[in-house]
Protein backbone atom coordinates (compact mmCIF):
# COMPACT_ATOMS: atom_id res chain seq x y z
CA UNK A 1 0.10 -0.01 0.04
CA UNK A 2 3.12 2.01 0.83
CA UNK A 3 4.61 1.42 -2.41
CA UNK A 4 1.18 2.43 -4.29
CA UNK A 5 0.86 5.58 -2.82
CA UNK A 6 4.69 6.58 -3.29
CA UNK A 7 3.76 5.78 -7.07
CA UNK A 8 0.59 7.93 -7.23
CA UNK A 9 2.42 10.70 -5.90
CA UNK A 10 4.88 10.44 -8.18
CA UNK A 11 2.72 10.37 -11.09
CA UNK A 12 0.81 13.65 -9.65
CA UNK A 13 4.28 15.20 -9.52
CA UNK A 14 5.18 14.31 -12.59
CA UNK A 15 1.84 15.49 -14.43
CA UNK A 16 2.12 18.37 -12.42
CA UNK A 17 5.26 19.64 -13.63
CA UNK A 18 3.84 19.70 -17.19
CA UNK A 19 0.55 21.20 -16.31
CA UNK A 20 2.03 24.16 -14.61
CA UNK A 21 5.09 24.17 -16.16
CA UNK A 22 6.79 24.10 -12.85
CA UNK A 23 10.23 22.37 -11.62
CA UNK A 24 10.31 19.04 -9.82
CA UNK A 25 11.65 20.91 -6.75
CA UNK A 26 8.62 23.34 -7.05
CA UNK A 27 5.98 20.35 -7.54
CA UNK A 28 7.21 18.75 -4.59
CA UNK A 29 7.59 21.28 -2.33
CA UNK A 30 4.00 22.62 -3.00
CA UNK A 31 2.51 19.24 -3.42
CA UNK A 32 3.99 16.98 -0.74
CA UNK A 33 1.80 18.66 2.19
CA UNK A 34 -1.04 19.08 0.08
CA UNK A 35 -0.91 15.30 -0.69
CA UNK A 36 -0.54 14.56 3.21
CA UNK A 37 -3.73 16.60 3.89
CA UNK A 38 -5.76 14.89 1.34
CA UNK A 39 -4.85 11.50 2.69
CA UNK A 40 -5.84 12.42 5.93
CA UNK A 41 -9.35 13.76 4.59
CA UNK A 42 -9.52 10.55 2.10
CA UNK A 43 -9.24 8.40 5.71
CA UNK A 44 -11.98 10.56 7.72
CA UNK A 45 -14.35 9.35 4.40
CA UNK A 46 -14.08 6.09 6.03
CA UNK A 47 -16.74 6.70 8.50
CA UNK A 48 -18.74 8.21 5.93
CA UNK A 49 -18.48 5.35 3.76
CA UNK A 50 -19.80 3.12 6.86
CA UNK A 51 -22.51 5.40 7.64
CA UNK A 52 -23.73 5.24 3.95
CA UNK A 53 -23.51 1.53 2.31
CA UNK A 54 -23.99 1.03 -1.28
CA UNK A 55 -27.33 -1.35 -1.12
CA UNK A 56 -30.95 -0.69 -0.14
CA UNK A 57 -33.52 1.91 -1.55
CA UNK A 58 -31.24 5.05 -0.83
CA UNK A 59 -28.45 4.55 -3.16
CA UNK A 60 -29.22 7.86 -4.55
CA UNK A 61 -28.80 9.70 -1.43
CA UNK A 62 -25.65 8.01 -0.97
CA UNK A 63 -24.42 9.07 -4.43
CA UNK A 64 -25.32 12.70 -3.48
CA UNK A 65 -23.97 12.79 -0.17
CA UNK A 66 -20.67 11.86 -1.52
CA UNK A 67 -20.76 14.08 -4.37
CA UNK A 68 -21.71 17.23 -1.86
CA UNK A 69 -19.20 15.51 0.22
CA UNK A 70 -16.22 15.41 -2.63
CA UNK A 71 -17.12 19.08 -3.43
CA UNK A 72 -16.66 20.44 0.28
CA UNK A 73 -13.62 18.16 0.95
CA UNK A 74 -12.14 19.56 -2.22
CA UNK A 75 -12.89 22.83 -1.51
CA UNK A 76 -11.25 22.75 1.77
CA UNK A 77 -8.06 21.16 0.46
CA UNK A 78 -8.01 23.64 -2.65
CA UNK A 79 -8.33 26.55 0.26
CA UNK A 80 -5.64 24.95 2.04
CA UNK A 81 -3.29 24.69 -0.82
CA UNK A 82 -4.06 28.33 -1.58
CA UNK A 83 -2.91 29.45 1.85
CA UNK A 84 0.25 27.22 1.95
CA UNK A 85 1.27 28.86 -1.25
CA UNK A 86 0.64 32.36 0.24
CA UNK A 87 2.72 31.14 3.14
CA UNK A 88 5.27 29.76 0.87
CA UNK A 89 5.30 33.36 -0.94
CA UNK A 90 6.16 35.06 2.17
CA UNK A 91 9.15 32.74 3.41
CA UNK A 92 10.49 33.15 -0.16
CA UNK A 93 9.51 36.71 -0.44
CA UNK A 94 8.15 36.17 -4.10
CA UNK A 95 5.00 35.82 -5.70
CA UNK A 96 6.04 32.65 -7.88
CA UNK A 97 4.24 30.42 -5.60
CA UNK A 98 0.56 31.99 -5.86
CA UNK A 99 1.15 32.30 -9.68
CA UNK A 100 2.18 28.75 -9.52
CA UNK A 101 -1.11 27.78 -7.62
CA UNK A 102 -3.05 29.67 -10.19
CA UNK A 103 -1.90 27.91 -13.41
CA UNK A 104 -2.53 24.59 -11.50
CA UNK A 105 -6.05 25.20 -10.06
CA UNK A 106 -7.89 23.20 -12.59
CA UNK A 107 -5.29 20.30 -12.33
CA UNK A 108 -5.37 20.34 -8.66
CA UNK A 109 -9.15 20.59 -8.70
CA UNK A 110 -8.99 17.21 -10.84
CA UNK A 111 -6.32 15.57 -8.63
CA UNK A 112 -8.42 16.38 -5.26
CA UNK A 113 -11.87 15.05 -6.58
CA UNK A 114 -9.73 12.03 -8.53
CA UNK A 115 -8.16 11.24 -4.83
CA UNK A 116 -11.17 11.44 -3.13
CA UNK A 117 -12.93 9.25 -5.69
CA UNK A 118 -10.48 6.72 -5.08
CA UNK A 119 -10.21 6.81 -1.38
CA UNK A 120 -13.99 5.98 -1.48
CA UNK A 121 -13.67 3.40 -3.92
CA UNK A 122 -10.86 1.72 -1.81
CA UNK A 123 -13.25 2.02 1.52
CA UNK A 124 -16.13 0.61 -0.27
CA UNK A 125 -13.85 -2.54 -1.27
CA UNK A 126 -12.79 -2.81 2.15
CA UNK A 127 -16.17 -2.75 3.39
CA UNK A 128 -17.19 -5.33 0.92
CA UNK A 129 -14.35 -7.82 1.90
CA UNK A 130 -14.99 -7.31 5.66
CA UNK A 131 -18.97 -7.94 5.25
CA UNK A 132 -17.67 -11.13 2.49
CA UNK A 133 -15.90 -12.44 5.47
CA UNK A 134 -18.20 -12.03 8.21
CA UNK A 135 -21.01 -14.04 5.96
CA UNK A 136 -18.08 -17.00 5.18
CA UNK A 137 -17.57 -17.07 9.32
CA UNK A 138 -21.01 -16.88 9.92
CA UNK A 139 -21.95 -19.87 7.66
CA UNK A 140 -18.72 -21.65 9.18
CA UNK A 141 -20.13 -21.37 12.41
CA UNK A 142 -23.74 -21.87 11.20
CA UNK A 143 -22.37 -25.11 9.62
CA UNK A 144 -20.25 -25.96 12.95
CA UNK A 145 -23.40 -25.74 15.05
CA UNK A 146 -25.32 -27.85 12.56
CA UNK A 147 -22.36 -30.56 12.84
CA UNK A 148 -22.55 -30.16 16.58
CA UNK A 149 -26.03 -31.02 16.74
CA UNK A 150 -25.42 -33.93 14.52
CA UNK A 151 -22.58 -35.38 16.77
CA UNK A 152 -25.16 -34.85 19.54
CA UNK A 153 -27.69 -36.99 17.76
CA UNK A 154 -25.06 -39.58 16.96
CA UNK A 155 -24.25 -39.62 20.85
CA UNK A 156 -27.85 -39.95 21.92
CA UNK A 157 -27.89 -42.88 19.85
CA UNK A 158 -24.45 -44.69 20.71
CA UNK A 159 -24.67 -44.12 24.40
CA UNK A 160 -27.98 -46.10 25.07
CA UNK A 161 -26.68 -49.01 22.65
CA UNK A 162 -23.72 -48.96 24.34
CA UNK A 163 -25.07 -48.95 27.93
CA UNK A 164 -27.49 -51.81 26.90
CA UNK A 165 -25.09 -54.28 25.15
CA UNK A 166 -23.12 -53.76 28.48
CA UNK A 167 -25.55 -54.29 31.14
CA UNK A 168 -26.27 -57.45 29.24
CA UNK A 169 -23.15 -58.27 29.61
CA UNK A 170 -22.82 -57.46 33.35
CA UNK A 171 -24.53 -61.06 34.58
CA UNK A 172 -22.91 -63.65 32.88
CA UNK A 173 -19.61 -61.88 33.66
CA UNK A 174 -20.16 -61.73 37.22
CA UNK A 175 -20.84 -65.19 37.17
CA UNK A 176 -18.37 -66.47 35.13
CA UNK A 177 -15.11 -63.54 35.03
CA UNK A 178 -15.69 -60.89 38.04
CA UNK A 179 -12.65 -59.38 37.13
CA UNK A 180 -13.61 -58.53 33.36
CA UNK A 181 -17.04 -57.55 34.65
CA UNK A 182 -15.29 -55.21 37.24
CA UNK A 183 -13.22 -54.05 34.15
CA UNK A 184 -16.40 -53.29 32.05
CA UNK A 185 -18.04 -51.01 34.63
CA UNK A 186 -14.79 -49.23 35.26
CA UNK A 187 -14.42 -48.46 31.43
CA UNK A 188 -17.92 -47.84 30.86
CA UNK A 189 -18.02 -45.46 33.50
CA UNK A 190 -14.53 -43.69 32.31
CA UNK A 191 -16.05 -43.70 28.45
CA UNK A 192 -19.52 -41.74 30.34
CA UNK A 193 -17.41 -39.57 32.34
CA UNK A 194 -15.31 -38.32 29.23
CA UNK A 195 -18.48 -37.52 27.31
CA UNK A 196 -19.73 -35.74 30.59
CA UNK A 197 -16.13 -33.68 30.67
CA UNK A 198 -15.72 -32.53 27.31
CA UNK A 199 -19.18 -32.30 25.43
CA UNK A 200 -18.93 -28.37 25.76
CA UNK A 201 -15.10 -28.12 25.58
CA UNK A 202 -13.66 -27.00 22.04
CA UNK A 203 -10.51 -28.77 22.43
CA UNK A 204 -9.01 -31.85 24.22
CA UNK A 205 -5.42 -32.99 24.31
CA UNK A 206 -5.01 -35.83 21.88
CA UNK A 207 -4.31 -38.29 24.65
CA UNK A 208 -7.38 -37.79 26.18
CA UNK A 209 -9.33 -38.57 22.99
CA UNK A 210 -7.53 -41.53 22.45
CA UNK A 211 -7.66 -42.86 26.17
CA UNK A 212 -11.53 -42.33 25.28
CA UNK A 213 -11.32 -44.44 22.46
CA UNK A 214 -9.07 -47.28 24.33
CA UNK A 215 -12.04 -47.13 26.59
CA UNK A 216 -14.81 -47.87 24.17
CA UNK A 217 -12.44 -50.82 22.54
CA UNK A 218 -11.79 -52.85 25.73
CA UNK A 219 -15.58 -52.91 26.25
CA UNK A 220 -15.83 -54.22 22.42
CA UNK A 221 -13.01 -56.72 23.38
CA UNK A 222 -15.15 -58.08 25.97
CA UNK A 223 -17.99 -58.66 23.64
CA UNK A 224 -15.96 -59.62 20.78
CA UNK A 225 -13.36 -61.60 22.46
CA UNK A 226 -10.43 -62.67 19.93
CA UNK A 227 -12.34 -61.50 16.86
CA UNK A 228 -11.11 -57.80 17.60
CA UNK A 229 -7.38 -57.22 17.90
CA UNK A 230 -6.22 -53.95 17.94
CA UNK A 231 -2.86 -52.20 17.11
CA UNK A 232 -1.46 -49.07 18.05
CA UNK A 233 1.17 -47.22 16.45
CA UNK A 234 1.21 -43.63 18.12
CA UNK A 235 3.99 -41.07 17.64
CA UNK A 236 4.79 -39.95 21.65
CA UNK A 237 5.04 -36.36 20.29
CA UNK A 238 1.26 -36.20 19.06
CA UNK A 239 0.00 -37.00 22.37
CA UNK A 240 -0.46 -33.28 23.94
CA UNK A 241 -1.59 -31.87 20.62
CA UNK A 242 -4.73 -29.77 20.80
CA UNK A 243 -7.83 -31.34 18.93
CA UNK A 244 -11.79 -30.56 18.89
CA UNK A 245 -13.43 -33.65 20.87
CA UNK A 246 -15.11 -37.01 19.68
CA UNK A 247 -13.40 -36.89 16.46
CA UNK A 248 -12.01 -40.55 16.76
CA UNK A 249 -15.14 -42.22 18.36
CA UNK A 250 -17.02 -41.87 15.15
CA UNK A 251 -13.65 -43.71 13.34
CA UNK A 252 -13.72 -46.57 15.37
CA UNK A 253 -17.54 -47.15 15.91
CA UNK A 254 -17.58 -47.29 12.25
CA UNK A 255 -14.49 -49.74 11.82
CA UNK A 256 -16.07 -52.09 14.38
CA UNK A 257 -19.75 -51.81 13.25
CA UNK A 258 -19.14 -52.05 9.71
CA UNK A 259 -15.75 -53.71 9.51
CA UNK A 260 -14.84 -56.03 12.38
CA UNK A 261 -18.28 -57.19 13.18
CA UNK A 262 -19.18 -58.21 9.60
CA UNK A 263 -16.26 -60.63 9.06
CA UNK A 264 -16.46 -64.22 10.47
CA UNK A 265 -13.28 -64.64 12.13
CA UNK A 266 -12.93 -60.70 12.98
CA UNK A 267 -9.55 -59.10 12.17
CA UNK A 268 -6.95 -56.26 13.14
CA UNK A 269 -8.24 -52.62 14.11
CA UNK A 270 -4.83 -50.39 13.11
CA UNK A 271 -4.94 -46.81 14.78
CA UNK A 272 -1.67 -44.90 13.88
CA UNK A 273 -0.87 -41.24 14.91
CA UNK A 274 2.07 -39.31 13.27
CA UNK A 275 2.75 -35.43 13.55
CA UNK A 276 4.21 -33.07 10.76
CA UNK A 277 5.25 -29.59 11.25
CA UNK A 278 1.83 -28.60 10.21
CA UNK A 279 -0.32 -31.42 10.77
CA UNK A 280 -1.28 -34.19 12.72
CA UNK A 281 -2.22 -37.32 10.61
CA UNK A 282 -4.53 -39.86 11.74
CA UNK A 283 -5.10 -43.24 10.08
CA UNK A 284 -7.54 -46.16 10.94
CA UNK A 285 -7.54 -49.51 8.72
CA UNK A 286 -10.07 -52.43 9.53
CA UNK A 287 -11.14 -55.02 7.33
CA UNK A 288 -14.21 -55.81 6.21
CA UNK A 289 -16.56 -58.08 4.30
CA UNK A 290 -17.65 -56.51 1.19
CA UNK A 291 -20.91 -58.18 0.86
CA UNK A 292 -22.47 -58.04 4.11
CA UNK A 293 -25.63 -56.34 4.65
CA UNK A 294 -23.85 -55.06 7.67
CA UNK A 295 -20.65 -53.74 6.23
CA UNK A 296 -22.93 -51.21 4.42
CA UNK A 297 -22.53 -47.73 6.26
CA UNK A 298 -25.20 -45.01 5.82
CA UNK A 299 -21.89 -42.51 6.09
CA UNK A 300 -23.80 -40.22 8.68
CA UNK A 301 -20.98 -40.69 11.09
CA UNK A 302 -18.00 -39.75 8.76
CA UNK A 303 -19.91 -37.06 7.42
CA UNK A 304 -20.77 -35.19 10.54
CA UNK A 305 -17.21 -35.76 11.24
CA UNK A 306 -16.54 -34.16 7.92
CA UNK A 307 -18.41 -31.48 8.67
CA UNK A 308 -17.07 -30.32 12.02
CA UNK A 309 -13.52 -30.60 10.79
CA UNK A 310 -14.06 -28.28 8.22
CA UNK A 311 -16.34 -26.51 10.71
CA UNK A 312 -13.34 -26.13 13.22
CA UNK A 313 -10.59 -26.01 10.84
CA UNK A 314 -11.71 -25.04 7.20
CA UNK A 315 -10.17 -26.73 4.28
CA UNK A 316 -6.98 -27.55 6.40
CA UNK A 317 -9.09 -30.33 8.26
CA UNK A 318 -9.33 -33.18 6.03
CA UNK A 319 -11.11 -36.56 6.15
CA UNK A 320 -10.00 -39.27 3.33
CA UNK A 321 -11.57 -43.10 2.94
CA UNK A 322 -9.61 -45.81 1.21
CA UNK A 323 -11.50 -48.99 0.22
CA UNK A 324 -10.25 -51.76 -1.77
CA UNK A 325 -11.86 -55.63 -1.82
CA UNK A 326 -11.58 -56.41 2.00
CA UNK A 327 -9.81 -53.50 3.61
CA UNK A 328 -11.16 -49.81 4.79
CA UNK A 329 -9.07 -47.18 5.83
CA UNK A 330 -9.95 -43.61 6.99
CA UNK A 331 -7.19 -40.97 6.87
CA UNK A 332 -7.90 -37.64 9.01
CA UNK A 333 -5.22 -34.32 8.74
CA UNK A 334 -5.80 -32.07 11.77
CA UNK A 335 -4.01 -28.55 11.59
CA UNK A 336 -1.75 -28.36 14.63
CA UNK A 337 -2.32 -25.31 17.31
CA UNK A 338 -4.81 -23.68 15.54
CA UNK A 339 -7.52 -21.83 17.63
CA UNK A 340 -11.01 -23.43 16.73
CA UNK A 341 -14.10 -22.06 16.69
């Protein structure tokens, strides 16, 4: 912006020397204070632009107000230059500066009006950009709220099923394996406590999110026994990174419900987390039975997660799904240490 202003000023000085038959020294000495004053006058027009938007039924009034204001501002500017030329005559004991002003009066009037119009256009451009950004932010906020509502709906579906299934497992476990029954109650308690603790928070350390998933997987392991095997490959440096809560649970739930459970012998659920200078990379891979009816997912959980990532991180939060004949992989990319909504 400073370079643009310098180029405009240099151009005005150049054309002024030709229009007023002045030297570069005379042009700079007369115009430099005048252009500085015009810049401040143009900055004050910002408030007028905010008060008179270029929209609505009173557009004609807006143009009329700017026209009159431009004339008044230009008259004030020309009067200021005239008084300044008189001062220069007194300082240099000559009449050449007043004569220079007289020769360049129409040129100065055109420059004053032109600069005022440029300032007005720039102000309206900035206001339009601000309005666009505000609209985008509002849309992002609404998208975030909608995805949070969908997340709550999913949690309201998942939790009753999880509690019901866990309670159904308790009687046989108490009779046959009391220690496993105690483990089940403890993990279920930790799982539900996490939901209460972080349901209203915007970020959570990734190690807490991972522990939440581990509690869920231990409950599922008690149900599926050897059919569910879990493999972790976690970079320790990723564990303290802040992320939005409840981003791993939908992935793991989807992997078990539509993957592990669909195969006769179960399989291995692989969870990997790596870190890069700008991103956290999460990968979850599981086997699945392609022709199984239960293996066909509605995709609601993953779509809700994709919306939440977009609402919190914008285009930098990504969810990619890879699928072959018997393996399903989800890759999630999360920006590091970024303030979320």
